[in-house]
Amino acid sequence: MKTSLCILALLFAFAAAPVRAADAIEKSQTVVYINGSKFYVHTVQAGQTLYSLAREYGVSEQVILEYNPEAADGLRTDQTLKIPFQAEAPADSRSERKLRRTFDT
């Protein structure tokens, strides 16, 4: 019984490993301008998905596909993608100021 539980625990540990690897996406440091628009140039690593890239870069999967139609057939390791640059929202954004004003009154 203990052996079965150990084997089962190992199987779960190995099954969860690719999920952790996919979560470890770092934004590319390479930024280029194409026709006046700013893009990240991202090289796909093993285990990365369209969904995980969209989440990391703060854009939708459709936006990534719009600029990289070849990705519709699936991502390949070492494939280069153009991902539109999204500026980080400033800490004191409009909605935050509006919310703060609401609570101050």
N, C-alpha and C. Protein backbone atom coordinates (compact mmCIF):
# COMPACT_ATOMS: atom_id res chain seq x y z
N MET A 1 0.82 -1.19 0.00
CA MET A 1 0.00 0.00 0.00
C MET A 1 0.87 1.26 0.00
N LYS A 2 1.91 1.29 0.84
CA LYS A 2 2.80 2.45 0.90
C LYS A 2 3.51 2.64 -0.43
N THR A 3 3.89 1.54 -1.06
CA THR A 3 4.58 1.61 -2.35
C THR A 3 3.66 2.23 -3.40
N SER A 4 2.42 1.83 -3.41
CA SER A 4 1.45 2.38 -4.36
C SER A 4 1.27 3.88 -4.15
N LEU A 5 1.21 4.30 -2.90
CA LEU A 5 1.06 5.72 -2.62
C LEU A 5 2.29 6.51 -3.05
N CYS A 6 3.47 5.95 -2.84
CA CYS A 6 4.71 6.61 -3.26
C CYS A 6 4.75 6.75 -4.78
N ILE A 7 4.39 5.70 -5.48
CA ILE A 7 4.39 5.74 -6.95
C ILE A 7 3.37 6.77 -7.44
N LEU A 8 2.22 6.78 -6.82
CA LEU A 8 1.18 7.74 -7.19
C LEU A 8 1.65 9.18 -6.94
N ALA A 9 2.30 9.40 -5.82
CA ALA A 9 2.82 10.74 -5.50
C ALA A 9 3.88 11.17 -6.51
N LEU A 10 4.75 10.25 -6.92
CA LEU A 10 5.77 10.57 -7.92
C LEU A 10 5.14 10.91 -9.27
N LEU A 11 4.10 10.16 -9.65
CA LEU A 11 3.43 10.43 -10.90
C LEU A 11 2.82 11.83 -10.91
N PHE A 12 2.20 12.22 -9.81
CA PHE A 12 1.63 13.57 -9.72
C PHE A 12 2.72 14.63 -9.77
N ALA A 13 3.84 14.38 -9.13
CA ALA A 13 4.94 15.35 -9.13
C ALA A 13 5.48 15.55 -10.54
N PHE A 14 5.66 14.46 -11.29
CA PHE A 14 6.17 14.57 -12.65
C PHE A 14 5.14 15.19 -13.59
N ALA A 15 3.88 14.92 -13.36
CA ALA A 15 2.83 15.47 -14.21
C ALA A 15 2.72 16.98 -14.03
N ALA A 16 3.00 17.48 -12.85
CA ALA A 16 2.91 18.91 -12.56
C ALA A 16 4.14 19.68 -13.02
N ALA A 17 5.24 19.02 -13.28
CA ALA A 17 6.49 19.70 -13.65
C ALA A 17 6.36 20.57 -14.90
N PRO A 18 5.75 20.12 -16.01
CA PRO A 18 5.64 20.99 -17.18
C PRO A 18 4.82 22.24 -16.93
N VAL A 19 3.85 22.18 -16.04
CA VAL A 19 3.04 23.34 -15.72
C VAL A 19 3.90 24.41 -15.08
N ARG A 20 4.78 24.02 -14.16
CA ARG A 20 5.67 24.98 -13.53
C ARG A 20 6.63 25.58 -14.54
N ALA A 21 7.13 24.80 -15.48
CA ALA A 21 8.06 25.30 -16.48
C ALA A 21 7.37 26.32 -17.38
N ALA A 22 6.12 26.09 -17.73
CA ALA A 22 5.39 27.01 -18.60
C ALA A 22 5.12 28.33 -17.89
N ASP A 23 4.98 28.30 -16.56
CA ASP A 23 4.72 29.51 -15.80
C ASP A 23 5.94 30.40 -15.69
N ALA A 24 7.12 29.89 -16.03
CA ALA A 24 8.37 30.62 -15.84
C ALA A 24 8.74 31.46 -17.06
N ILE A 25 7.77 32.05 -17.72
CA ILE A 25 8.03 32.87 -18.89
C ILE A 25 8.55 34.24 -18.44
N GLU A 26 9.58 34.70 -19.12
CA GLU A 26 10.07 36.05 -18.88
C GLU A 26 9.86 36.86 -20.14
N LYS A 27 9.44 38.11 -19.97
CA LYS A 27 9.27 38.98 -21.12
C LYS A 27 10.62 39.17 -21.80
N SER A 28 10.58 39.23 -23.10
CA SER A 28 11.78 39.46 -23.88
C SER A 28 12.31 40.87 -23.59
N GLN A 29 13.62 41.01 -23.61
CA GLN A 29 14.24 42.31 -23.45
C GLN A 29 14.45 42.98 -24.81
N THR A 30 14.17 42.24 -25.89
CA THR A 30 14.33 42.76 -27.24
C THR A 30 13.06 43.46 -27.68
N VAL A 31 13.16 44.75 -27.93
CA VAL A 31 12.02 45.55 -28.35
C VAL A 31 12.41 46.23 -29.66
N VAL A 32 11.53 46.16 -30.66
CA VAL A 32 11.79 46.76 -31.96
C VAL A 32 10.60 47.63 -32.36
N TYR A 33 10.85 48.54 -33.28
CA TYR A 33 9.80 49.36 -33.86
C TYR A 33 9.56 48.89 -35.29
N ILE A 34 8.32 48.59 -35.62
CA ILE A 34 7.94 48.18 -36.97
C ILE A 34 6.82 49.12 -37.42
N ASN A 35 7.09 49.88 -38.47
CA ASN A 35 6.12 50.86 -38.98
C ASN A 35 5.58 51.77 -37.87
N GLY A 36 6.47 52.19 -36.99
CA GLY A 36 6.09 53.10 -35.92
C GLY A 36 5.46 52.46 -34.70
N SER A 37 5.22 51.15 -34.73
CA SER A 37 4.65 50.44 -33.57
C SER A 37 5.75 49.68 -32.84
N LYS A 38 5.60 49.59 -31.54
CA LYS A 38 6.60 48.96 -30.69
C LYS A 38 6.21 47.50 -30.41
N PHE A 39 7.16 46.58 -30.60
CA PHE A 39 6.91 45.14 -30.41
C PHE A 39 8.02 44.50 -29.59
N TYR A 40 7.64 43.52 -28.78
CA TYR A 40 8.62 42.61 -28.19
C TYR A 40 8.94 41.56 -29.25
N VAL A 41 10.16 41.07 -29.27
CA VAL A 41 10.52 39.94 -30.13
C VAL A 41 10.76 38.78 -29.17
N HIS A 42 9.86 37.82 -29.18
CA HIS A 42 9.92 36.70 -28.24
C HIS A 42 10.28 35.41 -28.98
N THR A 43 11.24 34.68 -28.43
CA THR A 43 11.60 33.37 -28.98
C THR A 43 10.93 32.31 -28.12
N VAL A 44 10.10 31.49 -28.73
CA VAL A 44 9.33 30.47 -28.03
C VAL A 44 10.25 29.40 -27.44
N GLN A 45 10.03 29.09 -26.17
CA GLN A 45 10.76 28.03 -25.47
C GLN A 45 9.85 26.82 -25.32
N ALA A 46 10.44 25.67 -25.11
CA ALA A 46 9.67 24.43 -24.93
C ALA A 46 8.66 24.60 -23.79
N GLY A 47 7.44 24.17 -24.02
CA GLY A 47 6.41 24.21 -23.00
C GLY A 47 5.58 25.48 -22.99
N GLN A 48 5.98 26.49 -23.73
CA GLN A 48 5.21 27.73 -23.76
C GLN A 48 4.01 27.59 -24.68
N THR A 49 2.92 28.21 -24.28
CA THR A 49 1.69 28.15 -25.06
C THR A 49 1.25 29.56 -25.44
N LEU A 50 0.37 29.64 -26.37
CA LEU A 50 -0.19 30.93 -26.77
C LEU A 50 -0.85 31.60 -25.57
N TYR A 51 -1.56 30.80 -24.80
CA TYR A 51 -2.24 31.33 -23.61
C TYR A 51 -1.23 31.89 -22.60
N SER A 52 -0.16 31.14 -22.32
CA SER A 52 0.80 31.59 -21.31
C SER A 52 1.54 32.84 -21.78
N LEU A 53 1.83 32.93 -23.07
CA LEU A 53 2.50 34.12 -23.61
C LEU A 53 1.56 35.33 -23.54
N ALA A 54 0.31 35.13 -23.90
CA ALA A 54 -0.66 36.22 -23.85
C ALA A 54 -0.78 36.76 -22.43
N ARG A 55 -0.83 35.87 -21.47
CA ARG A 55 -0.92 36.28 -20.07
C ARG A 55 0.30 37.07 -19.64
N GLU A 56 1.48 36.59 -19.99
CA GLU A 56 2.72 37.25 -19.57
C GLU A 56 2.86 38.64 -20.18
N TYR A 57 2.50 38.77 -21.45
CA TYR A 57 2.67 40.04 -22.15
C TYR A 57 1.46 40.97 -22.03
N GLY A 58 0.38 40.50 -21.43
CA GLY A 58 -0.78 41.35 -21.20
C GLY A 58 -1.57 41.67 -22.46
N VAL A 59 -1.58 40.73 -23.40
CA VAL A 59 -2.37 40.88 -24.62
C VAL A 59 -3.22 39.63 -24.79
N SER A 60 -4.17 39.68 -25.71
CA SER A 60 -4.99 38.49 -25.94
C SER A 60 -4.28 37.54 -26.91
N GLU A 61 -4.72 36.30 -26.92
CA GLU A 61 -4.19 35.33 -27.87
C GLU A 61 -4.47 35.79 -29.30
N GLN A 62 -5.65 36.39 -29.51
CA GLN A 62 -6.02 36.87 -30.84
C GLN A 62 -5.06 37.94 -31.34
N VAL A 63 -4.60 38.80 -30.44
CA VAL A 63 -3.65 39.85 -30.83
C VAL A 63 -2.33 39.22 -31.28
N ILE A 64 -1.87 38.22 -30.54
CA ILE A 64 -0.62 37.54 -30.94
C ILE A 64 -0.81 36.90 -32.31
N LEU A 65 -1.94 36.25 -32.53
CA LEU A 65 -2.21 35.61 -33.82
C LEU A 65 -2.34 36.62 -34.94
N GLU A 66 -2.86 37.79 -34.64
CA GLU A 66 -3.02 38.83 -35.65
C GLU A 66 -1.66 39.22 -36.24
N TYR A 67 -0.65 39.31 -35.40
CA TYR A 67 0.68 39.70 -35.85
C TYR A 67 1.55 38.51 -36.24
N ASN A 68 1.11 37.29 -35.89
CA ASN A 68 1.87 36.08 -36.17
C ASN A 68 0.93 34.99 -36.66
N PRO A 69 0.36 35.13 -37.85
CA PRO A 69 -0.64 34.18 -38.33
C PRO A 69 -0.13 32.74 -38.41
N GLU A 70 1.17 32.56 -38.60
CA GLU A 70 1.73 31.20 -38.66
C GLU A 70 1.61 30.47 -37.32
N ALA A 71 1.40 31.20 -36.24
CA ALA A 71 1.27 30.58 -34.92
C ALA A 71 -0.09 29.89 -34.75
N ALA A 72 -1.01 30.13 -35.66
CA ALA A 72 -2.34 29.49 -35.59
C ALA A 72 -2.22 27.98 -35.74
N ASP A 73 -1.16 27.52 -36.39
CA ASP A 73 -0.93 26.08 -36.56
C ASP A 73 -0.22 25.46 -35.37
N GLY A 74 0.05 26.25 -34.34
CA GLY A 74 0.74 25.77 -33.15
C GLY A 74 2.12 26.41 -33.04
N LEU A 75 2.58 26.57 -31.80
CA LEU A 75 3.89 27.16 -31.57
C LEU A 75 4.98 26.10 -31.69
N ARG A 76 6.13 26.54 -32.17
CA ARG A 76 7.30 25.65 -32.28
C ARG A 76 8.43 26.23 -31.44
N THR A 77 9.20 25.38 -30.81
CA THR A 77 10.37 25.83 -30.06
C THR A 77 11.28 26.60 -31.00
N ASP A 78 11.83 27.71 -30.54
CA ASP A 78 12.71 28.62 -31.27
C ASP A 78 11.99 29.47 -32.32
N GLN A 79 10.67 29.40 -32.37
CA GLN A 79 9.90 30.26 -33.26
C GLN A 79 9.96 31.69 -32.71
N THR A 80 10.10 32.66 -33.59
CA THR A 80 10.15 34.06 -33.18
C THR A 80 8.78 34.70 -33.40
N LEU A 81 8.29 35.38 -32.37
CA LEU A 81 6.99 36.04 -32.42
C LEU A 81 7.14 37.54 -32.19
N LYS A 82 6.31 38.32 -32.87
CA LYS A 82 6.20 39.76 -32.61
C LYS A 82 4.99 39.93 -31.70
N ILE A 83 5.21 40.53 -30.55
CA ILE A 83 4.12 40.75 -29.60
C ILE A 83 4.03 42.24 -29.32
N PRO A 84 2.88 42.85 -29.57
CA PRO A 84 2.74 44.30 -29.35
C PRO A 84 3.13 44.69 -27.94
N PHE A 85 3.88 45.75 -27.84
CA PHE A 85 4.34 46.27 -26.56
C PHE A 85 3.17 46.90 -25.83
N GLN A 86 2.97 46.51 -24.60
CA GLN A 86 1.93 47.08 -23.75
C GLN A 86 2.62 47.77 -22.58
N ALA A 87 2.45 49.06 -22.47
CA ALA A 87 3.06 49.79 -21.36
C ALA A 87 2.44 49.34 -20.05
N GLU A 88 3.27 49.28 -19.03
CA GLU A 88 2.77 48.94 -17.70
C GLU A 88 1.85 50.06 -17.23
N ALA A 89 0.76 49.70 -16.60
CA ALA A 89 -0.15 50.72 -16.07
C ALA A 89 0.55 51.45 -14.92
N PRO A 90 0.53 52.77 -14.92
CA PRO A 90 1.17 53.50 -13.83
C PRO A 90 0.49 53.20 -12.51
N ALA A 91 1.24 53.27 -11.43
CA ALA A 91 0.72 52.94 -10.11
C ALA A 91 -0.47 53.83 -9.75
N ASP A 92 -0.46 55.07 -10.21
CA ASP A 92 -1.53 56.00 -9.89
C ASP A 92 -2.41 56.21 -11.12
N SER A 93 -3.04 55.14 -11.57
CA SER A 93 -3.86 55.20 -12.78
C SER A 93 -5.14 55.98 -12.53
N ARG A 94 -5.80 56.35 -13.62
CA ARG A 94 -7.06 57.11 -13.52
C ARG A 94 -8.10 56.41 -12.67
N SER A 95 -8.29 55.11 -12.93
CA SER A 95 -9.33 54.39 -12.19
C SER A 95 -9.00 54.33 -10.71
N GLU A 96 -7.70 54.23 -10.39
CA GLU A 96 -7.31 54.20 -8.99
C GLU A 96 -7.56 55.56 -8.34
N ARG A 97 -7.27 56.65 -9.07
CA ARG A 97 -7.53 58.00 -8.53
C ARG A 97 -9.03 58.20 -8.33
N LYS A 98 -9.84 57.74 -9.29
CA LYS A 98 -11.28 57.88 -9.19
C LYS A 98 -11.80 57.11 -7.98
N LEU A 99 -11.28 55.90 -7.79
CA LEU A 99 -11.69 55.08 -6.66
C LEU A 99 -11.29 55.76 -5.35
N ARG A 100 -10.08 56.29 -5.33
CA ARG A 100 -9.60 56.96 -4.13
C ARG A 100 -10.48 58.17 -3.81
N ARG A 101 -10.87 58.95 -4.83
CA ARG A 101 -11.73 60.11 -4.66
C ARG A 101 -13.09 59.69 -4.08
N THR A 102 -13.60 58.55 -4.53
CA THR A 102 -14.89 58.08 -4.06
C THR A 102 -14.84 57.79 -2.56
N PHE A 103 -13.73 57.21 -2.09
CA PHE A 103 -13.62 56.86 -0.67
C PHE A 103 -13.24 58.04 0.20
N ASP A 104 -12.64 59.07 -0.41
CA ASP A 104 -12.23 60.26 0.36
C ASP A 104 -13.41 61.15 0.71
N THR A 105 -14.50 61.03 -0.03
CA THR A 105 -15.64 61.94 0.24
C THR A 105 -16.56 61.39 1.28
